Amino acid sequence: MKRTRIAAGVLTAAALTAGLTACSGSDDNAAGGASPSSAAAPSSTAAAAPAADKPFGPACSAVPASGKGSFSGMAADPVATAASNNPVLSTLVTAVKKAGLVDTLNSAKDITVFAPTNDAFAKIPKDQLDKVLADKETLTSILTYHVVGKRLAPGDLSDGDFKTLQGAMLTTSGSGESFKVGEDAGVVCGNVQTANATVYIIDSVLMPPK
C-alpha cells in the first residue's frame, strides 16, 4: 500500500515518548484516576456546535449504555484503556498494543484522538493491513497521525489545521454535528471524553502525507 510506505525514520519510539512525556502526567495510573469533570472539553464558542459535554453522531448508538465501555465508563479511564473497553474500537486497540503505545497514550495529558472504527480498518485489504501491523515504525507513524497534543472541542473542528504527534498537519472542517477529518474520514461519534483525552470516532483510517 503506497500510502502506508512512509519514509523510514520519520518518527522513532524515543522521540514519540519524549514528545508525549512533555505533556504527560506523573504516571500511567494517575491518568486512570482522573475524574470525569477533569476530562471535560472546553466549551465551544461556535453556535452551531453541539454541547461541549455531549457525545454526538450516528455511531454513538453502538456505544454500550452502561459499564466500562459506556460514555461514563470511558470518562473515568485514560484513553487507551477506555478504547479497549469499547467494542467498536477493538482493531485500533490491537494496533496500539502492537505499536507499544498503550502506556504512552495513557500517560499523555489533554490530547485529542481521532479513533478509526473496526469498519474503518476493514476498508484496508487484509494483506496490506497485516503488513502494516507487522511494521512497528510505520504503524507508530500512522497511529500518532491520529493524535493531536491538546483537547479539541467540536467547534474547534469547523476550520482546523492541527499539528499531530506524528509531526504532520491534519485539517478538519464542518459544523454542527457533521465534521470531516483529513481528506476522507467523517466523524461518526464525536466529543467522547476520557480521563486524559477527547475522542472523535471516525469512519476511515488517516494516512500521513508522504
N, C-alpha and C. Protein backbone atom coordinates (compact mmCIF):
# COMPACT_ATOMS: atom_id res chain seq x y z
N MET A 1 0.88 -1.20 0.00
CA MET A 1 0.00 0.00 0.00
C MET A 1 0.90 1.23 0.00
N LYS A 2 0.82 1.98 -1.11
CA LYS A 2 1.74 3.09 -1.29
C LYS A 2 1.64 4.11 -0.19
N ARG A 3 0.39 4.38 0.25
CA ARG A 3 0.21 5.48 1.20
C ARG A 3 0.78 5.15 2.57
N THR A 4 0.92 3.85 2.84
CA THR A 4 1.48 3.50 4.15
C THR A 4 2.98 3.33 4.11
N ARG A 5 3.59 3.45 2.91
CA ARG A 5 5.04 3.39 2.78
C ARG A 5 5.65 4.73 3.12
N ILE A 6 5.69 5.02 4.35
CA ILE A 6 6.18 6.31 4.83
C ILE A 6 7.68 6.23 4.97
N ALA A 7 8.36 7.31 4.74
CA ALA A 7 9.82 7.32 4.83
C ALA A 7 10.27 6.84 6.19
N ALA A 8 11.26 5.92 6.19
CA ALA A 8 11.77 5.40 7.46
C ALA A 8 12.42 6.50 8.25
N GLY A 9 12.26 6.42 9.53
CA GLY A 9 12.91 7.40 10.39
C GLY A 9 12.09 8.63 10.63
N VAL A 10 10.85 8.68 10.11
CA VAL A 10 10.00 9.86 10.35
C VAL A 10 9.79 10.06 11.83
N LEU A 11 9.62 8.93 12.51
CA LEU A 11 9.36 9.02 13.95
C LEU A 11 9.98 7.84 14.63
N THR A 12 10.70 8.02 15.68
CA THR A 12 11.24 6.92 16.47
C THR A 12 10.47 6.84 17.76
N ALA A 13 10.50 5.65 18.37
CA ALA A 13 9.77 5.49 19.63
C ALA A 13 10.30 6.44 20.69
N ALA A 14 11.61 6.67 20.67
CA ALA A 14 12.19 7.57 21.67
C ALA A 14 11.68 8.99 21.51
N ALA A 15 11.60 9.44 20.25
CA ALA A 15 11.12 10.80 20.02
C ALA A 15 9.67 10.93 20.41
N LEU A 16 8.88 9.90 20.11
CA LEU A 16 7.47 9.93 20.49
C LEU A 16 7.31 10.02 21.99
N THR A 17 8.04 9.15 22.70
CA THR A 17 7.92 9.14 24.15
C THR A 17 8.33 10.48 24.74
N ALA A 18 9.40 11.07 24.19
CA ALA A 18 9.85 12.36 24.70
C ALA A 18 8.80 13.42 24.47
N GLY A 19 8.19 13.41 23.27
CA GLY A 19 7.18 14.42 22.97
C GLY A 19 5.96 14.31 23.86
N LEU A 20 5.53 13.06 24.12
CA LEU A 20 4.36 12.88 24.96
C LEU A 20 4.67 13.12 26.41
N THR A 21 5.89 12.77 26.84
CA THR A 21 6.26 12.98 28.24
C THR A 21 6.17 14.45 28.61
N ALA A 22 6.47 15.31 27.63
CA ALA A 22 6.42 16.75 27.90
C ALA A 22 5.03 17.21 28.27
N CYS A 23 3.99 16.46 27.82
CA CYS A 23 2.63 16.87 28.15
C CYS A 23 1.91 15.82 28.98
N SER A 24 2.68 14.91 29.62
CA SER A 24 2.05 13.83 30.37
C SER A 24 1.99 14.11 31.85
N GLY A 25 1.20 13.28 32.54
CA GLY A 25 1.15 13.33 33.98
C GLY A 25 2.32 12.58 34.56
N SER A 26 2.34 12.37 35.91
CA SER A 26 3.47 11.77 36.56
C SER A 26 3.55 10.29 36.30
N ASP A 27 2.43 9.57 36.15
CA ASP A 27 2.48 8.17 35.82
C ASP A 27 1.17 7.73 35.19
N ASP A 28 1.18 6.47 34.60
CA ASP A 28 0.03 5.99 33.87
C ASP A 28 -1.18 5.84 34.76
N ASN A 29 -0.99 5.32 35.98
CA ASN A 29 -2.11 5.08 36.86
C ASN A 29 -2.81 6.37 37.26
N ALA A 30 -2.03 7.44 37.35
CA ALA A 30 -2.63 8.72 37.74
C ALA A 30 -3.65 9.16 36.70
N ALA A 31 -3.36 8.88 35.40
CA ALA A 31 -4.31 9.27 34.36
C ALA A 31 -5.61 8.52 34.51
N GLY A 32 -5.52 7.25 34.90
CA GLY A 32 -6.73 6.46 35.03
C GLY A 32 -7.59 6.93 36.17
N GLY A 33 -7.01 7.64 37.14
CA GLY A 33 -7.78 8.06 38.30
C GLY A 33 -8.37 9.44 38.17
N ALA A 34 -8.18 10.08 37.02
CA ALA A 34 -8.72 11.43 36.87
C ALA A 34 -10.24 11.38 36.87
N SER A 35 -10.85 12.41 37.38
CA SER A 35 -12.31 12.45 37.46
C SER A 35 -12.89 12.87 36.13
N PRO A 36 -14.13 12.46 35.82
CA PRO A 36 -14.76 12.86 34.57
C PRO A 36 -14.80 14.36 34.41
N SER A 37 -14.92 15.11 35.50
CA SER A 37 -15.01 16.56 35.38
C SER A 37 -13.72 17.14 34.85
N SER A 38 -12.57 16.48 35.18
CA SER A 38 -11.30 17.00 34.69
C SER A 38 -11.13 16.72 33.22
N ALA A 39 -11.95 15.80 32.66
CA ALA A 39 -11.83 15.44 31.26
C ALA A 39 -12.73 16.27 30.37
N ALA A 40 -13.50 17.16 30.93
CA ALA A 40 -14.44 17.93 30.12
C ALA A 40 -13.72 18.82 29.15
N ALA A 41 -14.16 18.83 27.89
CA ALA A 41 -13.54 19.68 26.88
C ALA A 41 -13.97 21.12 27.09
N PRO A 42 -13.13 22.08 26.65
CA PRO A 42 -13.52 23.48 26.76
C PRO A 42 -14.79 23.75 25.97
N SER A 43 -15.60 24.65 26.45
CA SER A 43 -16.84 24.98 25.75
C SER A 43 -16.54 25.63 24.43
N SER A 44 -17.25 25.22 23.40
CA SER A 44 -17.07 25.79 22.08
C SER A 44 -17.82 27.11 21.97
N THR A 45 -17.25 28.01 21.23
CA THR A 45 -17.91 29.29 21.02
C THR A 45 -18.76 29.27 19.77
N ALA A 46 -18.67 28.18 18.99
CA ALA A 46 -19.45 28.10 17.76
C ALA A 46 -20.90 27.78 18.10
N ALA A 47 -21.81 28.62 17.64
CA ALA A 47 -23.22 28.46 17.99
C ALA A 47 -23.80 27.17 17.44
N ALA A 48 -23.29 26.71 16.29
CA ALA A 48 -23.87 25.54 15.65
C ALA A 48 -23.35 24.24 16.24
N ALA A 49 -22.32 24.29 17.07
CA ALA A 49 -21.71 23.08 17.60
C ALA A 49 -22.56 22.48 18.70
N PRO A 50 -22.49 21.14 18.86
CA PRO A 50 -23.24 20.51 19.95
C PRO A 50 -22.66 20.89 21.30
N ALA A 51 -23.40 20.61 22.37
CA ALA A 51 -22.92 20.93 23.71
C ALA A 51 -21.58 20.28 23.96
N ALA A 52 -20.67 21.00 24.62
CA ALA A 52 -19.29 20.54 24.77
C ALA A 52 -19.18 19.26 25.58
N ASP A 53 -20.18 18.96 26.41
CA ASP A 53 -20.09 17.77 27.25
C ASP A 53 -20.92 16.61 26.73
N LYS A 54 -21.44 16.71 25.50
CA LYS A 54 -22.32 15.68 24.97
C LYS A 54 -21.70 15.01 23.73
N PRO A 55 -21.59 13.68 23.73
CA PRO A 55 -21.18 12.99 22.50
C PRO A 55 -22.27 13.15 21.44
N PHE A 56 -21.88 13.08 20.18
CA PHE A 56 -22.85 13.24 19.09
C PHE A 56 -22.43 12.38 17.90
N GLY A 57 -23.40 12.05 17.08
CA GLY A 57 -23.12 11.31 15.85
C GLY A 57 -23.86 9.99 15.79
N PRO A 58 -24.10 9.46 14.58
CA PRO A 58 -24.90 8.25 14.39
C PRO A 58 -24.32 7.00 15.03
N ALA A 59 -22.99 6.89 15.10
CA ALA A 59 -22.38 5.68 15.65
C ALA A 59 -22.37 5.65 17.17
N CYS A 60 -22.77 6.74 17.80
CA CYS A 60 -22.81 6.77 19.27
C CYS A 60 -23.80 5.74 19.80
N SER A 61 -24.77 5.36 18.98
CA SER A 61 -25.76 4.37 19.43
C SER A 61 -25.15 2.99 19.64
N ALA A 62 -23.96 2.75 19.04
CA ALA A 62 -23.28 1.46 19.19
C ALA A 62 -22.48 1.36 20.48
N VAL A 63 -22.31 2.48 21.17
CA VAL A 63 -21.57 2.50 22.42
C VAL A 63 -22.46 1.94 23.53
N PRO A 64 -21.93 1.03 24.36
CA PRO A 64 -22.75 0.44 25.43
C PRO A 64 -23.37 1.51 26.32
N ALA A 65 -24.57 1.23 26.82
CA ALA A 65 -25.29 2.19 27.66
C ALA A 65 -24.74 2.25 29.07
N SER A 66 -24.07 1.18 29.50
CA SER A 66 -23.52 1.15 30.85
C SER A 66 -22.25 0.32 30.87
N GLY A 67 -21.53 0.39 31.99
CA GLY A 67 -20.30 -0.38 32.13
C GLY A 67 -19.07 0.38 31.67
N LYS A 68 -17.94 -0.32 31.65
CA LYS A 68 -16.65 0.29 31.31
C LYS A 68 -16.62 0.90 29.92
N GLY A 69 -17.35 0.29 28.97
CA GLY A 69 -17.33 0.78 27.60
C GLY A 69 -18.33 1.87 27.30
N SER A 70 -19.14 2.26 28.29
CA SER A 70 -20.11 3.33 28.10
C SER A 70 -19.42 4.68 28.15
N PHE A 71 -20.15 5.74 27.81
CA PHE A 71 -19.56 7.07 27.84
C PHE A 71 -19.09 7.43 29.25
N SER A 72 -19.89 7.12 30.26
CA SER A 72 -19.48 7.43 31.62
C SER A 72 -18.32 6.56 32.06
N GLY A 73 -18.30 5.32 31.63
CA GLY A 73 -17.18 4.44 31.97
C GLY A 73 -15.89 4.89 31.32
N MET A 74 -15.95 5.29 30.04
CA MET A 74 -14.76 5.75 29.34
C MET A 74 -14.21 7.03 29.96
N ALA A 75 -15.09 7.87 30.49
CA ALA A 75 -14.65 9.14 31.08
C ALA A 75 -13.78 8.94 32.30
N ALA A 76 -13.87 7.77 32.92
CA ALA A 76 -13.10 7.51 34.14
C ALA A 76 -11.73 6.90 33.87
N ASP A 77 -11.48 6.47 32.61
CA ASP A 77 -10.24 5.79 32.28
C ASP A 77 -9.39 6.61 31.31
N PRO A 78 -8.06 6.41 31.32
CA PRO A 78 -7.21 7.04 30.30
C PRO A 78 -7.55 6.45 28.94
N VAL A 79 -7.15 7.13 27.87
CA VAL A 79 -7.71 6.89 26.55
C VAL A 79 -7.48 5.48 26.01
N ALA A 80 -6.30 4.92 26.12
CA ALA A 80 -6.06 3.57 25.58
C ALA A 80 -6.87 2.54 26.34
N THR A 81 -6.96 2.69 27.65
CA THR A 81 -7.77 1.79 28.46
C THR A 81 -9.24 1.95 28.12
N ALA A 82 -9.70 3.18 27.98
CA ALA A 82 -11.09 3.44 27.62
C ALA A 82 -11.44 2.81 26.28
N ALA A 83 -10.56 2.95 25.30
CA ALA A 83 -10.80 2.38 23.97
C ALA A 83 -10.88 0.86 24.02
N SER A 84 -10.08 0.24 24.90
CA SER A 84 -10.07 -1.22 24.99
C SER A 84 -11.40 -1.77 25.50
N ASN A 85 -12.19 -0.92 26.15
CA ASN A 85 -13.50 -1.34 26.66
C ASN A 85 -14.63 -1.03 25.69
N ASN A 86 -14.30 -0.41 24.56
CA ASN A 86 -15.31 -0.04 23.58
C ASN A 86 -15.27 -1.03 22.42
N PRO A 87 -16.34 -1.81 22.20
CA PRO A 87 -16.30 -2.86 21.18
C PRO A 87 -16.11 -2.38 19.75
N VAL A 88 -16.41 -1.12 19.45
CA VAL A 88 -16.25 -0.64 18.08
C VAL A 88 -14.81 -0.23 17.77
N LEU A 89 -13.93 -0.30 18.76
CA LEU A 89 -12.54 0.14 18.59
C LEU A 89 -11.53 -0.98 18.82
N SER A 90 -11.96 -2.23 18.71
CA SER A 90 -11.06 -3.34 19.05
C SER A 90 -9.86 -3.46 18.11
N THR A 91 -10.04 -3.17 16.81
CA THR A 91 -8.91 -3.24 15.88
C THR A 91 -7.90 -2.14 16.18
N LEU A 92 -8.38 -0.95 16.50
CA LEU A 92 -7.50 0.14 16.88
C LEU A 92 -6.69 -0.23 18.12
N VAL A 93 -7.34 -0.83 19.08
CA VAL A 93 -6.65 -1.23 20.32
C VAL A 93 -5.57 -2.25 20.01
N THR A 94 -5.85 -3.20 19.13
CA THR A 94 -4.84 -4.17 18.72
C THR A 94 -3.63 -3.47 18.10
N ALA A 95 -3.90 -2.48 17.24
CA ALA A 95 -2.81 -1.74 16.60
C ALA A 95 -1.99 -0.96 17.61
N VAL A 96 -2.67 -0.32 18.57
CA VAL A 96 -1.97 0.45 19.61
C VAL A 96 -1.07 -0.46 20.44
N LYS A 97 -1.55 -1.65 20.75
CA LYS A 97 -0.74 -2.61 21.51
C LYS A 97 0.48 -3.06 20.71
N LYS A 98 0.28 -3.36 19.42
CA LYS A 98 1.39 -3.81 18.58
C LYS A 98 2.45 -2.72 18.43
N ALA A 99 2.03 -1.46 18.44
CA ALA A 99 2.98 -0.35 18.33
C ALA A 99 3.63 -0.01 19.67
N GLY A 100 3.15 -0.62 20.75
CA GLY A 100 3.71 -0.33 22.07
C GLY A 100 3.36 1.04 22.59
N LEU A 101 2.14 1.52 22.25
CA LEU A 101 1.76 2.89 22.60
C LEU A 101 0.76 3.00 23.74
N VAL A 102 0.40 1.87 24.35
CA VAL A 102 -0.63 1.91 25.39
C VAL A 102 -0.23 2.82 26.54
N ASP A 103 0.93 2.56 27.15
CA ASP A 103 1.38 3.37 28.28
C ASP A 103 1.62 4.82 27.88
N THR A 104 2.16 5.01 26.67
CA THR A 104 2.45 6.37 26.20
C THR A 104 1.19 7.19 26.06
N LEU A 105 0.15 6.62 25.47
CA LEU A 105 -1.11 7.35 25.31
C LEU A 105 -1.83 7.52 26.64
N ASN A 106 -1.79 6.50 27.47
CA ASN A 106 -2.47 6.61 28.76
C ASN A 106 -1.86 7.66 29.67
N SER A 107 -0.57 7.92 29.53
CA SER A 107 0.09 8.88 30.41
C SER A 107 0.12 10.30 29.84
N ALA A 108 -0.29 10.46 28.58
CA ALA A 108 -0.32 11.79 27.98
C ALA A 108 -1.41 12.63 28.64
N LYS A 109 -1.25 13.94 28.60
CA LYS A 109 -2.19 14.84 29.25
C LYS A 109 -2.90 15.70 28.21
N ASP A 110 -4.23 15.72 28.28
CA ASP A 110 -5.04 16.61 27.44
C ASP A 110 -4.70 16.49 25.96
N ILE A 111 -5.07 15.37 25.36
CA ILE A 111 -4.85 15.15 23.94
C ILE A 111 -6.20 14.91 23.26
N THR A 112 -6.19 14.92 21.93
CA THR A 112 -7.35 14.54 21.14
C THR A 112 -6.97 13.35 20.28
N VAL A 113 -7.80 12.33 20.26
CA VAL A 113 -7.56 11.13 19.46
C VAL A 113 -8.68 10.96 18.45
N PHE A 114 -8.30 10.85 17.18
CA PHE A 114 -9.25 10.51 16.13
C PHE A 114 -9.17 9.00 15.96
N ALA A 115 -10.20 8.30 16.42
CA ALA A 115 -10.15 6.84 16.56
C ALA A 115 -10.93 6.13 15.47
N PRO A 116 -10.25 5.44 14.55
CA PRO A 116 -10.97 4.71 13.49
C PRO A 116 -11.73 3.50 14.05
N THR A 117 -12.92 3.28 13.53
CA THR A 117 -13.72 2.13 13.93
C THR A 117 -13.15 0.85 13.32
N ASN A 118 -13.68 -0.28 13.77
CA ASN A 118 -13.31 -1.56 13.17
C ASN A 118 -13.62 -1.56 11.68
N ASP A 119 -14.76 -0.98 11.30
CA ASP A 119 -15.14 -0.92 9.89
C ASP A 119 -14.17 -0.06 9.08
N ALA A 120 -13.61 0.96 9.72
CA ALA A 120 -12.62 1.80 9.03
C ALA A 120 -11.39 0.97 8.67
N PHE A 121 -10.92 0.17 9.61
CA PHE A 121 -9.76 -0.70 9.33
C PHE A 121 -10.11 -1.77 8.31
N ALA A 122 -11.38 -2.20 8.31
CA ALA A 122 -11.81 -3.24 7.37
C ALA A 122 -11.79 -2.76 5.92
N LYS A 123 -11.74 -1.45 5.70
CA LYS A 123 -11.65 -0.91 4.34
C LYS A 123 -10.28 -1.21 3.73
N ILE A 124 -9.29 -1.46 4.57
CA ILE A 124 -7.94 -1.76 4.09
C ILE A 124 -7.85 -3.25 3.79
N PRO A 125 -7.39 -3.64 2.60
CA PRO A 125 -7.25 -5.07 2.30
C PRO A 125 -6.45 -5.80 3.38
N LYS A 126 -6.89 -7.00 3.74
CA LYS A 126 -6.32 -7.71 4.89
C LYS A 126 -4.81 -7.91 4.76
N ASP A 127 -4.32 -8.26 3.57
CA ASP A 127 -2.88 -8.48 3.43
C ASP A 127 -2.10 -7.20 3.68
N GLN A 128 -2.64 -6.08 3.24
CA GLN A 128 -1.97 -4.80 3.46
C GLN A 128 -2.04 -4.40 4.92
N LEU A 129 -3.19 -4.61 5.56
CA LEU A 129 -3.33 -4.29 6.97
C LEU A 129 -2.38 -5.13 7.81
N ASP A 130 -2.30 -6.42 7.51
CA ASP A 130 -1.40 -7.31 8.24
C ASP A 130 0.06 -6.85 8.11
N LYS A 131 0.41 -6.37 6.93
CA LYS A 131 1.77 -5.90 6.69
C LYS A 131 2.06 -4.65 7.53
N VAL A 132 1.10 -3.75 7.61
CA VAL A 132 1.28 -2.54 8.41
C VAL A 132 1.37 -2.89 9.89
N LEU A 133 0.51 -3.80 10.35
CA LEU A 133 0.52 -4.19 11.75
C LEU A 133 1.84 -4.84 12.16
N ALA A 134 2.52 -5.43 11.18
CA ALA A 134 3.79 -6.09 11.47
C ALA A 134 4.99 -5.14 11.38
N ASP A 135 4.77 -3.92 10.91
CA ASP A 135 5.84 -2.92 10.75
C ASP A 135 5.65 -1.85 11.83
N LYS A 136 6.36 -2.01 12.94
CA LYS A 136 6.14 -1.15 14.10
C LYS A 136 6.38 0.32 13.79
N GLU A 137 7.41 0.63 13.02
CA GLU A 137 7.71 2.03 12.73
C GLU A 137 6.61 2.69 11.90
N THR A 138 6.17 1.99 10.85
CA THR A 138 5.09 2.51 10.02
C THR A 138 3.80 2.63 10.81
N LEU A 139 3.51 1.60 11.60
CA LEU A 139 2.29 1.60 12.41
C LEU A 139 2.30 2.75 13.41
N THR A 140 3.44 2.97 14.06
CA THR A 140 3.55 4.07 15.02
C THR A 140 3.30 5.41 14.35
N SER A 141 3.86 5.58 13.15
CA SER A 141 3.67 6.83 12.43
C SER A 141 2.20 7.06 12.07
N ILE A 142 1.53 6.01 11.63
CA ILE A 142 0.11 6.13 11.28
C ILE A 142 -0.72 6.45 12.51
N LEU A 143 -0.49 5.72 13.59
CA LEU A 143 -1.31 5.92 14.79
C LEU A 143 -1.10 7.30 15.41
N THR A 144 0.12 7.78 15.45
CA THR A 144 0.37 9.09 16.05
C THR A 144 -0.12 10.23 15.16
N TYR A 145 -0.39 9.94 13.87
CA TYR A 145 -1.01 10.92 13.00
C TYR A 145 -2.48 11.13 13.38
N HIS A 146 -3.02 10.23 14.18
CA HIS A 146 -4.40 10.34 14.66
C HIS A 146 -4.51 11.08 15.99
N VAL A 147 -3.40 11.63 16.48
CA VAL A 147 -3.39 12.24 17.82
C VAL A 147 -2.90 13.68 17.74
N VAL A 148 -3.64 14.58 18.35
CA VAL A 148 -3.27 16.00 18.46
C VAL A 148 -2.98 16.28 19.94
N GLY A 149 -1.94 17.06 20.21
CA GLY A 149 -1.47 17.25 21.58
C GLY A 149 -2.24 18.24 22.42
N LYS A 150 -3.51 18.41 22.16
CA LYS A 150 -4.37 19.24 23.00
C LYS A 150 -5.80 18.79 22.81
N ARG A 151 -6.67 19.11 23.77
CA ARG A 151 -8.08 18.77 23.63
C ARG A 151 -8.76 19.71 22.62
N LEU A 152 -9.56 19.13 21.74
CA LEU A 152 -10.30 19.92 20.76
C LEU A 152 -11.79 19.76 21.00
N ALA A 153 -12.48 20.87 21.20
CA ALA A 153 -13.93 20.87 21.31
C ALA A 153 -14.52 20.80 19.91
N PRO A 154 -15.79 20.40 19.77
CA PRO A 154 -16.39 20.30 18.44
C PRO A 154 -16.24 21.56 17.59
N GLY A 155 -16.42 22.72 18.19
CA GLY A 155 -16.29 23.96 17.44
C GLY A 155 -14.91 24.18 16.86
N ASP A 156 -13.89 23.59 17.50
CA ASP A 156 -12.52 23.74 17.00
C ASP A 156 -12.32 23.05 15.66
N LEU A 157 -13.18 22.08 15.35
CA LEU A 157 -13.02 21.31 14.12
C LEU A 157 -13.60 21.99 12.89
N SER A 158 -14.32 23.10 13.09
CA SER A 158 -15.02 23.74 11.98
C SER A 158 -14.09 24.13 10.84
N ASP A 159 -12.94 24.63 11.16
CA ASP A 159 -11.95 25.03 10.14
C ASP A 159 -10.58 24.92 10.79
N GLY A 160 -10.15 23.68 11.05
CA GLY A 160 -8.94 23.47 11.84
C GLY A 160 -7.75 22.99 11.03
N ASP A 161 -6.59 23.26 11.57
CA ASP A 161 -5.33 22.81 10.98
C ASP A 161 -4.40 22.55 12.16
N PHE A 162 -4.22 21.27 12.51
CA PHE A 162 -3.56 20.93 13.76
C PHE A 162 -2.31 20.08 13.53
N LYS A 163 -1.30 20.33 14.34
CA LYS A 163 -0.08 19.51 14.27
C LYS A 163 -0.31 18.24 15.06
N THR A 164 -0.06 17.11 14.44
CA THR A 164 -0.25 15.82 15.10
C THR A 164 1.04 15.41 15.82
N LEU A 165 0.93 14.38 16.65
CA LEU A 165 2.12 13.88 17.34
C LEU A 165 3.08 13.21 16.36
N GLN A 166 2.58 12.84 15.20
CA GLN A 166 3.45 12.29 14.16
C GLN A 166 4.32 13.38 13.55
N GLY A 167 3.86 14.61 13.63
CA GLY A 167 4.63 15.75 13.13
C GLY A 167 3.98 16.47 11.97
N ALA A 168 3.15 15.77 11.19
CA ALA A 168 2.47 16.38 10.05
C ALA A 168 1.20 17.09 10.51
N MET A 169 0.71 17.98 9.65
CA MET A 169 -0.51 18.72 9.96
C MET A 169 -1.73 17.93 9.51
N LEU A 170 -2.83 18.12 10.24
CA LEU A 170 -4.10 17.46 9.94
C LEU A 170 -5.20 18.51 9.89
N THR A 171 -5.96 18.53 8.81
CA THR A 171 -7.03 19.52 8.66
C THR A 171 -8.38 18.92 9.02
N THR A 172 -9.26 19.76 9.55
CA THR A 172 -10.63 19.36 9.85
C THR A 172 -11.58 20.43 9.33
N SER A 173 -12.82 20.04 9.08
CA SER A 173 -13.81 21.00 8.59
C SER A 173 -15.20 20.50 8.94
N GLY A 174 -16.18 21.40 8.83
CA GLY A 174 -17.57 21.03 9.09
C GLY A 174 -18.23 21.96 10.08
N SER A 175 -19.42 21.56 10.54
CA SER A 175 -20.16 22.36 11.51
C SER A 175 -21.24 21.49 12.13
N GLY A 176 -21.85 22.01 13.20
CA GLY A 176 -22.93 21.29 13.86
C GLY A 176 -22.47 19.94 14.36
N GLU A 177 -23.03 18.87 13.77
CA GLU A 177 -22.64 17.52 14.12
C GLU A 177 -22.08 16.77 12.93
N SER A 178 -21.64 17.52 11.92
CA SER A 178 -21.07 16.91 10.71
C SER A 178 -19.66 17.47 10.48
N PHE A 179 -18.67 16.60 10.68
CA PHE A 179 -17.28 17.04 10.56
C PHE A 179 -16.48 16.06 9.71
N LYS A 180 -15.51 16.61 9.00
CA LYS A 180 -14.60 15.82 8.18
C LYS A 180 -13.19 15.97 8.73
N VAL A 181 -12.46 14.87 8.76
CA VAL A 181 -11.08 14.86 9.25
C VAL A 181 -10.17 14.38 8.13
N GLY A 182 -9.18 15.20 7.77
CA GLY A 182 -8.34 14.86 6.64
C GLY A 182 -9.15 14.88 5.35
N GLU A 183 -8.74 14.05 4.38
CA GLU A 183 -9.40 14.07 3.09
C GLU A 183 -10.67 13.21 3.04
N ASP A 184 -10.69 12.12 3.81
CA ASP A 184 -11.74 11.14 3.60
C ASP A 184 -12.57 10.78 4.84
N ALA A 185 -12.06 11.00 6.01
CA ALA A 185 -12.72 10.49 7.22
C ALA A 185 -13.82 11.41 7.71
N GLY A 186 -14.93 10.79 8.14
CA GLY A 186 -16.02 11.54 8.75
C GLY A 186 -16.14 11.15 10.21
N VAL A 187 -16.54 12.11 11.04
CA VAL A 187 -16.76 11.84 12.45
C VAL A 187 -18.12 11.15 12.60
N VAL A 188 -18.12 9.94 13.18
CA VAL A 188 -19.38 9.20 13.34
C VAL A 188 -19.85 9.17 14.80
N CYS A 189 -18.95 9.49 15.71
CA CYS A 189 -19.33 9.66 17.12
C CYS A 189 -18.28 10.57 17.74
N GLY A 190 -18.66 11.82 17.98
CA GLY A 190 -17.67 12.81 18.39
C GLY A 190 -17.81 13.27 19.82
N ASN A 191 -16.76 13.90 20.30
CA ASN A 191 -16.74 14.54 21.62
C ASN A 191 -16.92 13.53 22.75
N VAL A 192 -16.29 12.36 22.61
CA VAL A 192 -16.31 11.35 23.65
C VAL A 192 -15.16 11.65 24.62
N GLN A 193 -15.47 11.76 25.89
CA GLN A 193 -14.47 12.15 26.87
C GLN A 193 -13.86 10.92 27.57
N THR A 194 -12.54 10.95 27.75
CA THR A 194 -11.85 10.01 28.62
C THR A 194 -11.11 10.83 29.66
N ALA A 195 -10.44 10.15 30.59
CA ALA A 195 -9.78 10.88 31.67
C ALA A 195 -8.72 11.84 31.17
N ASN A 196 -8.08 11.53 30.05
CA ASN A 196 -6.99 12.40 29.58
C ASN A 196 -7.12 12.80 28.12
N ALA A 197 -8.27 12.51 27.49
CA ALA A 197 -8.38 12.81 26.06
C ALA A 197 -9.83 13.06 25.65
N THR A 198 -9.97 13.78 24.54
CA THR A 198 -11.24 13.89 23.85
C THR A 198 -11.12 13.02 22.60
N VAL A 199 -12.10 12.17 22.37
CA VAL A 199 -12.04 11.21 21.27
C VAL A 199 -13.12 11.51 20.24
N TYR A 200 -12.72 11.47 18.96
CA TYR A 200 -13.66 11.57 17.85
C TYR A 200 -13.53 10.27 17.06
N ILE A 201 -14.56 9.45 17.10
CA ILE A 201 -14.55 8.18 16.39
C ILE A 201 -14.83 8.46 14.91
N ILE A 202 -13.98 7.94 14.02
CA ILE A 202 -14.06 8.26 12.60
C ILE A 202 -14.22 7.00 11.75
N ASP A 203 -14.69 7.19 10.51
CA ASP A 203 -15.04 6.05 9.65
C ASP A 203 -13.97 5.65 8.66
N SER A 204 -12.79 6.26 8.70
CA SER A 204 -11.68 5.89 7.83
C SER A 204 -10.36 6.05 8.57
N VAL A 205 -9.38 5.26 8.19
CA VAL A 205 -8.05 5.37 8.78
C VAL A 205 -7.31 6.52 8.09
N LEU A 206 -6.72 7.40 8.86
CA LEU A 206 -5.97 8.54 8.32
C LEU A 206 -4.56 8.09 7.93
N MET A 207 -4.07 8.56 6.80
CA MET A 207 -2.71 8.24 6.37
C MET A 207 -1.86 9.51 6.33
N PRO A 208 -0.71 9.49 7.00
CA PRO A 208 0.15 10.69 7.00
C PRO A 208 0.61 11.03 5.59
N PRO A 209 0.82 12.31 5.30
CA PRO A 209 1.31 12.69 3.98
C PRO A 209 2.73 12.16 3.78
N LYS A 210 3.08 11.91 2.55
CA LYS A 210 4.43 11.39 2.24
C LYS A 210 5.46 12.48 2.44
